[in-house]
C-alpha atoms as a PDB file:
ATOM      1  CA  MET A   1      21.735  -9.222  26.549  1.00  0.00           C
ATOM      2  CA  LEU A   2      24.271  -6.678  25.325  1.00  0.00           C
ATOM      3  CA  PHE A   3      24.299  -5.809  21.626  1.00  0.00           C
ATOM      4  CA  ASP A   4      27.945  -6.024  20.640  1.00  0.00           C
ATOM      5  CA  LYS A   5      27.919  -6.425  16.860  1.00  0.00           C
ATOM      6  CA  PRO A   6      30.508  -4.115  15.281  1.00  0.00           C
ATOM      7  CA  ALA A   7      30.024  -2.014  12.160  1.00  0.00           C
ATOM      8  CA  LEU A   8      31.725  -3.676   9.183  1.00  0.00           C
ATOM      9  CA  THR A   9      33.399  -2.285   6.101  1.00  0.00           C
ATOM     10  CA  VAL A  10      31.736  -3.228   2.810  1.00  0.00           C
ATOM     11  CA  GLU A  11      34.616  -5.628   2.122  1.00  0.00           C
ATOM     12  CA  LYS A  12      33.988  -7.361   5.473  1.00  0.00           C
ATOM     13  CA  GLN A  13      30.257  -7.491   4.709  1.00  0.00           C
ATOM     14  CA  ILE A  14      31.010  -9.367   1.491  1.00  0.00           C
ATOM     15  CA  GLU A  15      33.322 -11.742   3.358  1.00  0.00           C
ATOM     16  CA  LEU A  16      30.508 -12.450   5.816  1.00  0.00           C
ATOM     17  CA  LEU A  17      28.007 -13.115   3.016  1.00  0.00           C
ATOM     18  CA  LYS A  18      30.477 -15.463   1.324  1.00  0.00           C
ATOM     19  CA  LEU A  19      31.022 -17.282   4.618  1.00  0.00           C
ATOM     20  CA  ARG A  20      27.266 -17.793   4.804  1.00  0.00           C
ATOM     21  CA  GLY A  21      27.236 -19.314   1.327  1.00  0.00           C
ATOM     22  CA  LEU A  22      26.276 -16.429  -0.959  1.00  0.00           C
ATOM     23  CA  GLN A  23      28.182 -16.403  -4.244  1.00  0.00           C
ATOM     24  CA  PHE A  24      29.300 -13.458  -6.342  1.00  0.00           C
ATOM     25  CA  LYS A  25      29.793 -13.057 -10.092  1.00  0.00           C
ATOM     26  CA  ASP A  26      31.429  -9.630  -9.787  1.00  0.00           C
ATOM     27  CA  GLU A  27      32.735  -8.657  -6.352  1.00  0.00           C
ATOM     28  CA  THR A  28      33.951  -5.244  -7.499  1.00  0.00           C
ATOM     29  CA  LYS A  29      30.462  -4.306  -8.654  1.00  0.00           C
ATOM     30  CA  ALA A  30      28.986  -5.838  -5.503  1.00  0.00           C
ATOM     31  CA  ILE A  31      31.135  -3.523  -3.376  1.00  0.00           C
ATOM     32  CA  GLN A  32      29.776  -0.501  -5.248  1.00  0.00           C
ATOM     33  CA  THR A  33      26.208  -1.785  -4.949  1.00  0.00           C
ATOM     34  CA  LEU A  34      26.456  -2.318  -1.198  1.00  0.00           C
ATOM     35  CA  HIS A  35      27.923   1.160  -0.786  1.00  0.00           C
ATOM     36  CA  TYR A  36      24.779   2.725  -2.236  1.00  0.00           C
ATOM     37  CA  ILE A  37      22.065   0.331  -1.027  1.00  0.00           C
ATOM     38  CA  GLY A  38      23.363  -0.656   2.377  1.00  0.00           C
ATOM     39  CA  TYR A  39      23.908  -4.083   3.884  1.00  0.00           C
ATOM     40  CA  TYR A  40      21.020  -3.918   6.342  1.00  0.00           C
ATOM     41  CA  ARG A  41      18.455  -2.874   3.720  1.00  0.00           C
ATOM     42  CA  LEU A  42      19.562  -5.757   1.513  1.00  0.00           C
ATOM     43  CA  ARG A  43      19.263  -8.101   4.507  1.00  0.00           C
ATOM     44  CA  ALA A  44      15.468  -7.894   4.121  1.00  0.00           C
ATOM     45  CA  TYR A  45      15.869  -9.582   0.733  1.00  0.00           C
ATOM     46  CA  THR A  46      18.373 -12.250   1.748  1.00  0.00           C
ATOM     47  CA  TYR A  47      16.536 -13.230   4.938  1.00  0.00           C
ATOM     48  CA  PRO A  48      13.889 -15.548   3.350  1.00  0.00           C
ATOM     49  CA  PHE A  49      16.664 -17.620   1.750  1.00  0.00           C
ATOM     50  CA  GLN A  50      18.709 -18.118   4.914  1.00  0.00           C
ATOM     51  CA  GLU A  51      18.613 -20.490   7.880  1.00  0.00           C
ATOM     52  CA  ASN A  52      17.708 -17.934  10.527  1.00  0.00           C
ATOM     53  CA  ASN A  53      16.706 -20.154  13.450  1.00  0.00           C
ATOM     54  CA  THR A  54      19.489 -22.729  13.388  1.00  0.00           C
ATOM     55  CA  GLU A  55      23.213 -22.876  12.644  1.00  0.00           C
ATOM     56  CA  PHE A  56      24.645 -24.926   9.788  1.00  0.00           C
ATOM     57  CA  LEU A  57      28.189 -26.177  10.387  1.00  0.00           C
ATOM     58  CA  GLY A  58      28.513 -23.540  13.100  1.00  0.00           C
ATOM     59  CA  ILE A  59      27.573 -20.701  10.758  1.00  0.00           C
ATOM     60  CA  GLU A  60      24.621 -18.452  11.520  1.00  0.00           C
ATOM     61  CA  HIS A  61      22.218 -17.339   8.762  1.00  0.00           C
ATOM     62  CA  SER A  62      23.690 -19.677   6.162  1.00  0.00           C
ATOM     63  CA  PHE A  63      21.974 -19.743   2.771  1.00  0.00           C
ATOM     64  CA  LYS A  64      19.663 -22.714   2.213  1.00  0.00           C
ATOM     65  CA  SER A  65      20.750 -23.300  -1.384  1.00  0.00           C
ATOM     66  CA  LYS A  66      23.130 -21.993  -4.022  1.00  0.00           C
ATOM     67  CA  MET A  67      22.405 -18.337  -4.641  1.00  0.00           C
ATOM     68  CA  TYR A  68      24.154 -15.373  -6.180  1.00  0.00           C
ATOM     69  CA  PHE A  69      24.371 -11.826  -4.882  1.00  0.00           C
ATOM     70  CA  GLU A  70      23.183 -10.693  -8.308  1.00  0.00           C
ATOM     71  CA  ASP A  71      19.929 -12.676  -7.849  1.00  0.00           C
ATOM     72  CA  ILE A  72      19.261 -10.775  -4.631  1.00  0.00           C
ATOM     73  CA  ILE A  73      19.823  -7.469  -6.436  1.00  0.00           C
ATOM     74  CA  LYS A  74      17.353  -8.518  -9.135  1.00  0.00           C
ATOM     75  CA  LEU A  75      14.806  -9.235  -6.407  1.00  0.00           C
ATOM     76  CA  TYR A  76      15.519  -5.850  -4.818  1.00  0.00           C
ATOM     77  CA  LYS A  77      14.954  -4.091  -8.167  1.00  0.00           C
ATOM     78  CA  PHE A  78      11.801  -6.117  -8.825  1.00  0.00           C
ATOM     79  CA  ASP A  79      10.398  -5.025  -5.472  1.00  0.00           C
ATOM     80  CA  ARG A  80      11.163  -1.396  -6.311  1.00  0.00           C
ATOM     81  CA  HIS A  81       9.305  -1.654  -9.641  1.00  0.00           C
ATOM     82  CA  LEU A  82       6.349  -3.281  -7.877  1.00  0.00           C
ATOM     83  CA  ARG A  83       6.247  -0.508  -5.257  1.00  0.00           C
ATOM     84  CA  LEU A  84       6.332   2.200  -7.936  1.00  0.00           C
ATOM     85  CA  LEU A  85       3.392   0.598  -9.775  1.00  0.00           C
ATOM     86  CA  ILE A  86       1.389   0.312  -6.554  1.00  0.00           C
ATOM     87  CA  PHE A  87       2.258   3.869  -5.536  1.00  0.00           C
ATOM     88  CA  ASN A  88       0.945   5.179  -8.872  1.00  0.00           C
ATOM     89  CA  ALA A  89      -2.183   3.026  -8.587  1.00  0.00           C
ATOM     90  CA  ILE A  90      -2.931   4.316  -5.097  1.00  0.00           C
ATOM     91  CA  GLU A  91      -2.570   7.892  -6.353  1.00  0.00           C
ATOM     92  CA  LYS A  92      -5.435   7.306  -8.794  1.00  0.00           C
ATOM     93  CA  ILE A  93      -7.527   5.635  -6.079  1.00  0.00           C
ATOM     94  CA  GLU A  94      -6.846   8.440  -3.576  1.00  0.00           C
ATOM     95  CA  ILE A  95      -7.862  11.172  -6.038  1.00  0.00           C
ATOM     96  CA  SER A  96     -11.033   9.289  -6.962  1.00  0.00           C
ATOM     97  CA  LEU A  97     -11.964   8.637  -3.334  1.00  0.00           C
ATOM     98  CA  ARG A  98     -11.533  12.313  -2.480  1.00  0.00           C
ATOM     99  CA  ALA A  99     -13.663  13.336  -5.466  1.00  0.00           C
ATOM    100  CA  GLN A 100     -16.482  10.953  -4.569  1.00  0.00           C
ATOM    101  CA  ILE A 101     -16.569  11.928  -0.889  1.00  0.00           C
ATOM    102  CA  LEU A 102     -16.645  15.627  -1.766  1.00  0.00           C
ATOM    103  CA  TYR A 103     -19.293  15.190  -4.446  1.00  0.00           C
ATOM    104  CA  HIS A 104     -21.821  13.107  -2.521  1.00  0.00           C
ATOM    105  CA  PHE A 105     -21.428  14.726   0.908  1.00  0.00           C
ATOM    106  CA  GLY A 106     -21.285  18.219  -0.584  1.00  0.00           C
ATOM    107  CA  LEU A 107     -24.545  17.719  -2.481  1.00  0.00           C
ATOM    108  CA  GLU A 108     -26.357  16.268   0.522  1.00  0.00           C
ATOM    109  CA  HIS A 109     -24.891  18.276   3.410  1.00  0.00           C
ATOM    110  CA  GLY A 110     -23.438  21.485   1.977  1.00  0.00           C
ATOM    111  CA  SER A 111     -20.019  23.081   1.679  1.00  0.00           C
ATOM    112  CA  HIS A 112     -18.864  22.574   5.290  1.00  0.00           C
ATOM    113  CA  TRP A 113     -20.322  19.157   6.043  1.00  0.00           C
ATOM    114  CA  GLN A 114     -16.975  18.071   7.572  1.00  0.00           C
ATOM    115  CA  MET A 115     -17.741  20.302  10.598  1.00  0.00           C
ATOM    116  CA  ASP A 116     -21.141  18.708  11.350  1.00  0.00           C
ATOM    117  CA  ILE A 117     -20.730  16.495  14.422  1.00  0.00           C
ATOM    118  CA  SER A 118     -24.036  14.739  13.725  1.00  0.00           C
ATOM    119  CA  LEU A 119     -22.481  13.076  10.671  1.00  0.00           C
ATOM    120  CA  TYR A 120     -19.881  11.208  12.735  1.00  0.00           C
ATOM    121  CA  LYS A 121     -20.036   8.050  14.817  1.00  0.00           C
ATOM    122  CA  ASP A 122     -17.973   9.083  17.841  1.00  0.00           C
ATOM    123  CA  PRO A 123     -17.688  12.583  19.396  1.00  0.00           C
ATOM    124  CA  ASN A 124     -14.150  11.891  20.628  1.00  0.00           C
ATOM    125  CA  ASN A 125     -12.960  10.807  17.190  1.00  0.00           C
ATOM    126  CA  TYR A 126     -14.787  13.790  15.711  1.00  0.00           C
ATOM    127  CA  MET A 127     -12.738  16.112  17.936  1.00  0.00           C
ATOM    128  CA  ALA A 128      -9.511  14.413  16.804  1.00  0.00           C
ATOM    129  CA  LEU A 129     -10.541  14.909  13.173  1.00  0.00           C
ATOM    130  CA  MET A 130     -11.365  18.570  13.817  1.00  0.00           C
ATOM    131  CA  GLU A 131      -7.930  19.107  15.332  1.00  0.00           C
ATOM    132  CA  ASN A 132      -6.461  17.559  12.187  1.00  0.00           C
ATOM    133  CA  PHE A 133      -8.653  19.819   9.999  1.00  0.00           C
ATOM    134  CA  TYR A 134      -7.491  22.966  11.791  1.00  0.00           C
ATOM    135  CA  ARG A 135      -3.857  21.854  11.760  1.00  0.00           C
ATOM    136  CA  ASN A 136      -3.917  21.195   8.012  1.00  0.00           C
ATOM    137  CA  SER A 137      -5.755  24.450   7.383  1.00  0.00           C
ATOM    138  CA  LYS A 138      -3.181  26.422   9.376  1.00  0.00           C
ATOM    139  CA  GLN A 139      -0.152  24.719   7.851  1.00  0.00           C
ATOM    140  CA  SER A 140      -1.262  24.692   4.220  1.00  0.00           C
ATOM    141  CA  LYS A 141       0.525  27.099   1.871  1.00  0.00           C
ATOM    142  CA  GLU A 142      -1.868  26.479  -1.021  1.00  0.00           C
ATOM    143  CA  ASP A 143      -3.081  29.727  -2.619  1.00  0.00           C
ATOM    144  CA  PHE A 144      -6.751  28.745  -2.378  1.00  0.00           C
ATOM    145  CA  MET A 145      -6.404  28.058   1.364  1.00  0.00           C
ATOM    146  CA  ILE A 146      -4.639  31.371   1.998  1.00  0.00           C
ATOM    147  CA  LYS A 147      -7.261  33.261  -0.030  1.00  0.00           C
ATOM    148  CA  TYR A 148     -10.124  31.695   1.958  1.00  0.00           C
ATOM    149  CA  LYS A 149      -8.551  32.657   5.289  1.00  0.00           C
ATOM    150  CA  LYS A 150      -7.991  36.223   4.082  1.00  0.00           C
ATOM    151  CA  THR A 151     -11.493  36.593   2.639  1.00  0.00           C
ATOM    152  CA  TYR A 152     -13.811  34.728   5.036  1.00  0.00           C
ATOM    153  CA  THR A 153     -14.102  34.559   8.799  1.00  0.00           C
ATOM    154  CA  ASN A 154     -17.141  32.295   9.039  1.00  0.00           C
ATOM    155  CA  PRO A 155     -17.038  29.303   8.941  1.00  0.00           C
ATOM    156  CA  SER A 156     -13.558  29.232  10.415  1.00  0.00           C
ATOM    157  CA  LEU A 157     -12.525  26.312   8.239  1.00  0.00           C
ATOM    158  CA  PRO A 158     -12.411  26.409   4.417  1.00  0.00           C
ATOM    159  CA  ALA A 159     -15.040  24.564   2.392  1.00  0.00           C
ATOM    160  CA  SER A 160     -14.733  20.790   2.313  1.00  0.00           C
ATOM    161  CA  TRP A 161     -13.489  20.721  -1.277  1.00  0.00           C
ATOM    162  CA  MET A 162     -10.605  22.990  -0.294  1.00  0.00           C
ATOM    163  CA  LEU A 163      -9.797  21.338   3.015  1.00  0.00           C
ATOM    164  CA  LEU A 164      -9.859  17.725   1.838  1.00  0.00           C
ATOM    165  CA  GLU A 165      -7.635  18.642  -1.086  1.00  0.00           C
ATOM    166  CA  VAL A 166      -4.741  19.088   1.371  1.00  0.00           C
ATOM    167  CA  MET A 167      -5.535  15.998   3.454  1.00  0.00           C
ATOM    168  CA  SER A 168      -3.513  12.784   3.148  1.00  0.00           C
ATOM    169  CA  LEU A 169      -4.897   9.404   2.135  1.00  0.00           C
ATOM    170  CA  GLY A 170      -4.609   8.333   5.770  1.00  0.00           C
ATOM    171  CA  SER A 171      -6.800  11.264   6.804  1.00  0.00           C
ATOM    172  CA  LEU A 172      -9.326  10.502   4.057  1.00  0.00           C
ATOM    173  CA  SER A 173      -9.450   6.912   5.254  1.00  0.00           C
ATOM    174  CA  LYS A 174     -10.156   8.019   8.850  1.00  0.00           C
ATOM    175  CA  ILE A 175     -12.795  10.540   7.756  1.00  0.00           C
ATOM    176  CA  TYR A 176     -14.689   8.003   5.668  1.00  0.00           C
ATOM    177  CA  LYS A 177     -14.483   5.355   8.381  1.00  0.00           C
ATOM    178  CA  GLU A 178     -15.707   7.733  11.109  1.00  0.00           C
ATOM    179  CA  LEU A 179     -18.718   8.980   9.136  1.00  0.00           C
ATOM    180  CA  ASN A 180     -22.076   7.512  10.074  1.00  0.00           C
ATOM    181  CA  TYR A 181     -23.772   5.242   7.607  1.00  0.00           C
ATOM    182  CA  SER A 182     -25.824   7.456   5.287  1.00  0.00           C
ATOM    183  CA  LYS A 183     -27.061   7.750   1.742  1.00  0.00           C
ATOM    184  CA  ALA A 184     -23.996   9.833   0.842  1.00  0.00           C
ATOM    185  CA  LYS A 185     -21.589   7.313   2.358  1.00  0.00           C
ATOM    186  CA  GLN A 186     -23.352   4.494   0.530  1.00  0.00           C
ATOM    187  CA  GLN A 187     -23.144   6.404  -2.750  1.00  0.00           C
ATOM    188  CA  VAL A 188     -19.376   6.799  -2.352  1.00  0.00           C
ATOM    189  CA  SER A 189     -19.005   3.051  -1.935  1.00  0.00           C
ATOM    190  CA  LEU A 190     -21.380   2.260  -4.805  1.00  0.00           C
ATOM    191  CA  SER A 191     -19.415   4.533  -7.134  1.00  0.00           C
ATOM    192  CA  PHE A 192     -16.567   2.028  -6.801  1.00  0.00           C
ATOM    193  CA  GLY A 193     -18.813  -0.992  -7.336  1.00  0.00           C
ATOM    194  CA  LEU A 194     -18.942  -1.940  -3.645  1.00  0.00           C
ATOM    195  CA  PRO A 195     -22.408  -2.241  -2.022  1.00  0.00           C
ATOM    196  CA  LYS A 196     -20.977  -2.499   1.518  1.00  0.00           C
ATOM    197  CA  VAL A 197     -19.283   0.594   2.948  1.00  0.00           C
ATOM    198  CA  GLU A 198     -17.225  -1.489   5.383  1.00  0.00           C
ATOM    199  CA  VAL A 199     -15.467  -3.133   2.425  1.00  0.00           C
ATOM    200  CA  LEU A 200     -14.375   0.225   1.016  1.00  0.00           C
ATOM    201  CA  GLU A 201     -13.326   1.286   4.533  1.00  0.00           C
ATOM    202  CA  SER A 202     -11.181  -1.843   4.780  1.00  0.00           C
ATOM    203  CA  TRP A 203      -9.629  -1.379   1.348  1.00  0.00           C
ATOM    204  CA  VAL A 204      -8.721   2.274   1.841  1.00  0.00           C
ATOM    205  CA  GLU A 205      -7.211   1.515   5.247  1.00  0.00           C
ATOM    206  CA  CYS A 206      -5.201  -1.308   3.682  1.00  0.00           C
ATOM    207  CA  PHE A 207      -4.061   0.873   0.757  1.00  0.00           C
ATOM    208  CA  THR A 208      -2.946   3.575   3.201  1.00  0.00           C
ATOM    209  CA  TYR A 209      -0.824   1.021   5.032  1.00  0.00           C
ATOM    210  CA  VAL A 210       0.683  -0.254   1.765  1.00  0.00           C
ATOM    211  CA  ARG A 211       1.248   3.292   0.492  1.00  0.00           C
ATOM    212  CA  ASN A 212       3.280   4.086   3.610  1.00  0.00           C
ATOM    213  CA  ILE A 213       5.456   1.033   2.957  1.00  0.00           C
ATOM    214  CA  CYS A 214       6.032   2.237  -0.605  1.00  0.00           C
ATOM    215  CA  ALA A 215       6.672   5.833   0.452  1.00  0.00           C
ATOM    216  CA  HIS A 216       9.403   4.699   2.851  1.00  0.00           C
ATOM    217  CA  HIS A 217      10.928   2.367   0.225  1.00  0.00           C
ATOM    218  CA  ASN A 218      10.495  -0.661   2.461  1.00  0.00           C
ATOM    219  CA  ARG A 219      10.338  -4.286   1.363  1.00  0.00           C
ATOM    220  CA  LEU A 220       6.901  -5.220   0.062  1.00  0.00           C
ATOM    221  CA  TRP A 221       7.020  -8.290  -2.163  1.00  0.00           C
ATOM    222  CA  ASN A 222       6.678 -11.025   0.500  1.00  0.00           C
ATOM    223  CA  ARG A 223       5.494  -8.954   3.461  1.00  0.00           C
ATOM    224  CA  ASN A 224       2.643 -10.214   5.633  1.00  0.00           C
ATOM    225  CA  LEU A 225       0.283  -7.249   5.781  1.00  0.00           C
ATOM    226  CA  ALA A 226      -0.895  -5.997   9.161  1.00  0.00           C
ATOM    227  CA  LYS A 227      -4.101  -4.629   7.591  1.00  0.00           C
ATOM    228  CA  PRO A 228      -5.301  -7.046   4.885  1.00  0.00           C
ATOM    229  CA  PRO A 229      -8.329  -6.097   2.762  1.00  0.00           C
ATOM    230  CA  LYS A 230     -11.756  -7.656   3.253  1.00  0.00           C
ATOM    231  CA  LEU A 231     -12.577  -9.917   0.309  1.00  0.00           C
ATOM    232  CA  PRO A 232     -16.298  -9.662  -0.515  1.00  0.00           C
ATOM    233  CA  TYR A 233     -18.338 -11.727  -2.938  1.00  0.00           C
ATOM    234  CA  ASN A 234     -21.442  -9.512  -3.254  1.00  0.00           C
ATOM    235  CA  THR A 235     -19.851  -6.862  -5.459  1.00  0.00           C
ATOM    236  CA  ILE A 236     -21.543  -5.076  -8.367  1.00  0.00           C
ATOM    237  CA  TYR A 237     -18.943  -6.264 -10.872  1.00  0.00           C
ATOM    238  CA  ASP A 238     -17.042  -9.545 -11.109  1.00  0.00           C
ATOM    239  CA  PHE A 239     -14.710 -10.055  -8.160  1.00  0.00           C
ATOM    240  CA  LEU A 240     -14.933 -13.326  -6.236  1.00  0.00           C
ATOM    241  CA  THR A 241     -17.545 -16.043  -5.925  1.00  0.00           C
ATOM    242  CA  LYS A 242     -19.034 -16.676  -2.496  1.00  0.00           C
ATOM    243  CA  ASP A 243     -17.268 -20.040  -2.189  1.00  0.00           C
ATOM    244  CA  LYS A 244     -13.898 -18.604  -3.246  1.00  0.00           C
ATOM    245  CA  SER A 245     -14.189 -15.656  -0.861  1.00  0.00           C
ATOM    246  CA  LYS A 246     -14.925 -17.922   2.106  1.00  0.00           C
ATOM    247  CA  ALA A 247     -12.181 -20.390   1.153  1.00  0.00           C
ATOM    248  CA  ILE A 248      -9.362 -17.843   1.275  1.00  0.00           C
ATOM    249  CA  SER A 249      -7.516 -18.260   4.557  1.00  0.00           C
ATOM    250  CA  HIS A 250      -6.136 -15.452   6.703  1.00  0.00           C
ATOM    251  CA  LYS A 251      -2.642 -16.657   5.768  1.00  0.00           C
ATOM    252  CA  GLU A 252      -3.481 -15.980   2.113  1.00  0.00           C
ATOM    253  CA  LYS A 253      -5.270 -12.686   2.777  1.00  0.00           C
ATOM    254  CA  VAL A 254      -2.220 -11.025   4.296  1.00  0.00           C
ATOM    255  CA  LYS A 255      -0.221 -11.461   1.079  1.00  0.00           C
ATOM    256  CA  ILE A 256       0.197  -8.652  -1.437  1.00  0.00           C
ATOM    257  CA  TYR A 257      -1.690 -10.523  -4.183  1.00  0.00           C
ATOM    258  CA  TRP A 258      -5.076  -9.764  -2.657  1.00  0.00           C
ATOM    259  CA  VAL A 259      -4.212  -6.087  -2.321  1.00  0.00           C
ATOM    260  CA  LEU A 260      -3.362  -6.047  -6.020  1.00  0.00           C
ATOM    261  CA  TYR A 261      -6.600  -7.909  -6.737  1.00  0.00           C
ATOM    262  CA  SER A 262      -8.639  -5.304  -4.835  1.00  0.00           C
ATOM    263  CA  MET A 263      -6.796  -2.445  -6.524  1.00  0.00           C
ATOM    264  CA  ASN A 264      -7.478  -3.904  -9.947  1.00  0.00           C
ATOM    265  CA  TYR A 265     -11.189  -4.040  -9.149  1.00  0.00           C
ATOM    266  CA  LEU A 266     -11.289  -0.329  -8.259  1.00  0.00           C
ATOM    267  CA  LEU A 267      -9.075   0.725 -11.138  1.00  0.00           C
ATOM    268  CA  LYS A 268     -11.417  -0.941 -13.607  1.00  0.00           C
ATOM    269  CA  GLN A 269     -14.021   1.634 -12.518  1.00  0.00           C
ATOM    270  CA  ILE A 270     -11.592   4.562 -12.191  1.00  0.00           C
ATOM    271  CA  ASP A 271      -9.336   4.220 -15.243  1.00  0.00           C
ATOM    272  CA  ILE A 272     -11.982   5.350 -17.724  1.00  0.00           C
ATOM    273  CA  GLU A 273      -9.476   6.319 -20.423  1.00  0.00           C
ATOM    274  CA  GLY A 274      -7.641   3.020 -20.051  1.00  0.00           C
ATOM    275  CA  ASP A 275      -4.266   4.774 -20.215  1.00  0.00           C
ATOM    276  CA  PHE A 276      -2.950   3.379 -16.919  1.00  0.00           C
ATOM    277  CA  ASN A 277      -3.754  -0.307 -17.557  1.00  0.00           C
ATOM    278  CA  PHE A 278      -2.770  -1.613 -14.146  1.00  0.00           C
ATOM    279  CA  SER A 279      -3.343  -5.240 -15.106  1.00  0.00           C
ATOM    280  CA  GLN A 280      -0.931  -5.192 -18.041  1.00  0.00           C
ATOM    281  CA  GLN A 281       1.722  -3.300 -16.092  1.00  0.00           C
ATOM    282  CA  LEU A 282       1.490  -5.818 -13.264  1.00  0.00           C
ATOM    283  CA  LYS A 283       1.821  -8.744 -15.685  1.00  0.00           C
ATOM    284  CA  SER A 284       4.929  -7.173 -17.181  1.00  0.00           C
ATOM    285  CA  ILE A 285       6.535  -6.677 -13.771  1.00  0.00           C
ATOM    286  CA  MET A 286       5.628 -10.176 -12.604  1.00  0.00           C
ATOM    287  CA  ALA A 287       7.216 -11.615 -15.751  1.00  0.00           C
ATOM    288  CA  SER A 288      10.520 -10.251 -14.429  1.00  0.00           C
ATOM    289  CA  CYS A 289      10.059 -11.662 -10.922  1.00  0.00           C
ATOM    290  CA  PRO A 290      13.308 -13.490 -10.057  1.00  0.00           C
ATOM    291  CA  LEU A 291      13.760 -16.612  -7.938  1.00  0.00           C
ATOM    292  CA  ASN A 292      10.189 -17.765  -8.651  1.00  0.00           C
ATOM    293  CA  GLN A 293       8.681 -15.805  -5.757  1.00  0.00           C
ATOM    294  CA  GLN A 294       5.067 -15.496  -6.956  1.00  0.00           C
ATOM    295  CA  LYS A 295       3.921 -18.148  -4.486  1.00  0.00           C
ATOM    296  CA  HIS A 296       5.399 -16.243  -1.541  1.00  0.00           C
ATOM    297  CA  MET A 297       3.455 -13.170  -2.674  1.00  0.00           C
ATOM    298  CA  GLY A 298       0.182 -15.097  -2.586  1.00  0.00           C
ATOM    299  CA  PHE A 299      -0.320 -15.252  -6.351  1.00  0.00           C
ATOM    300  CA  GLN A 300      -2.815 -17.900  -7.327  1.00  0.00           C
ATOM    301  CA  GLU A 301      -1.898 -20.658  -9.746  1.00  0.00           C
ATOM    302  CA  ASN A 302      -2.770 -19.711 -13.345  1.00  0.00           C
ATOM    303  CA  TRP A 303      -3.741 -16.181 -12.236  1.00  0.00           C
ATOM    304  CA  LEU A 304      -2.603 -14.810 -15.601  1.00  0.00           C
ATOM    305  CA  PHE A 305      -5.424 -16.595 -17.355  1.00  0.00           C
ATOM    306  CA  GLU A 306      -8.251 -15.484 -15.078  1.00  0.00           C
ATOM    307  CA  PRO A 307     -10.847 -13.262 -16.849  1.00  0.00           C
ATOM    308  CA  PHE A 308     -10.482 -10.793 -13.957  1.00  0.00           C
ATOM    309  CA  TRP A 309      -6.935  -9.937 -15.069  1.00  0.00           C
ATOM    310  CA  GLN A 310      -7.699  -9.642 -18.780  1.00  0.00           C
END
């Protein structure tokens, strides 16, 4: 089938939205808003409120109920605030993960443990990681990396605490996942209150996926996540009961609520000073959530009153 949809002026875009049933309180301001956000980006926020599989009175994508353009903008802004909070939370988690990996593996296996093939599960994946190590080492403009390369010739790669400092969260996630089970790997997981390393592997992989969504400013609030976190019940600190963990369906797990839940668990261990206070910031943002969308984000009924969020 040939794609033949024409590009529309902002004025025509507003006419189309009005035809589909969206109402406007201030069309002049709406024109300015669409100029700087873009119709297609905003489409991700109107889509859940439209009839997308059937026509109504011969009109495609008609709105299911009375709704204002300004409500959609509030939802767009809410999503942005949520992404910024999550992005900041993941920064703290990433820094802590890097610190724990470097500390425990450095003590047990020395300064260049990242080069030891015996520590990894799969030789092929090890080679891919090594290529990534050398690429990051070559491309880095950090003073400490340049000084190492000028001063030392053996080993060819900088020490782990230098090299991992310039690696992304995605790379850290792959490194941790590819490492064999060991005392050091267990200690990293235990430092976050998680007895099972596969749970931390799952969470970091999930956070990497969510971080990429945030970094590209994509819609997050009601997204079904391709990499949901594992939800354990045998944690060191309060998380979920066994019955609750097993009762959560896959449909629930892919919602952002359980990512936030997992983040809050880690941040309780990480945020020693208590200056970040993820729980309170999340409550404040959720209080501004327009159009009553908590359910579509997977939030549990009465979640505000759970001891876990206090």
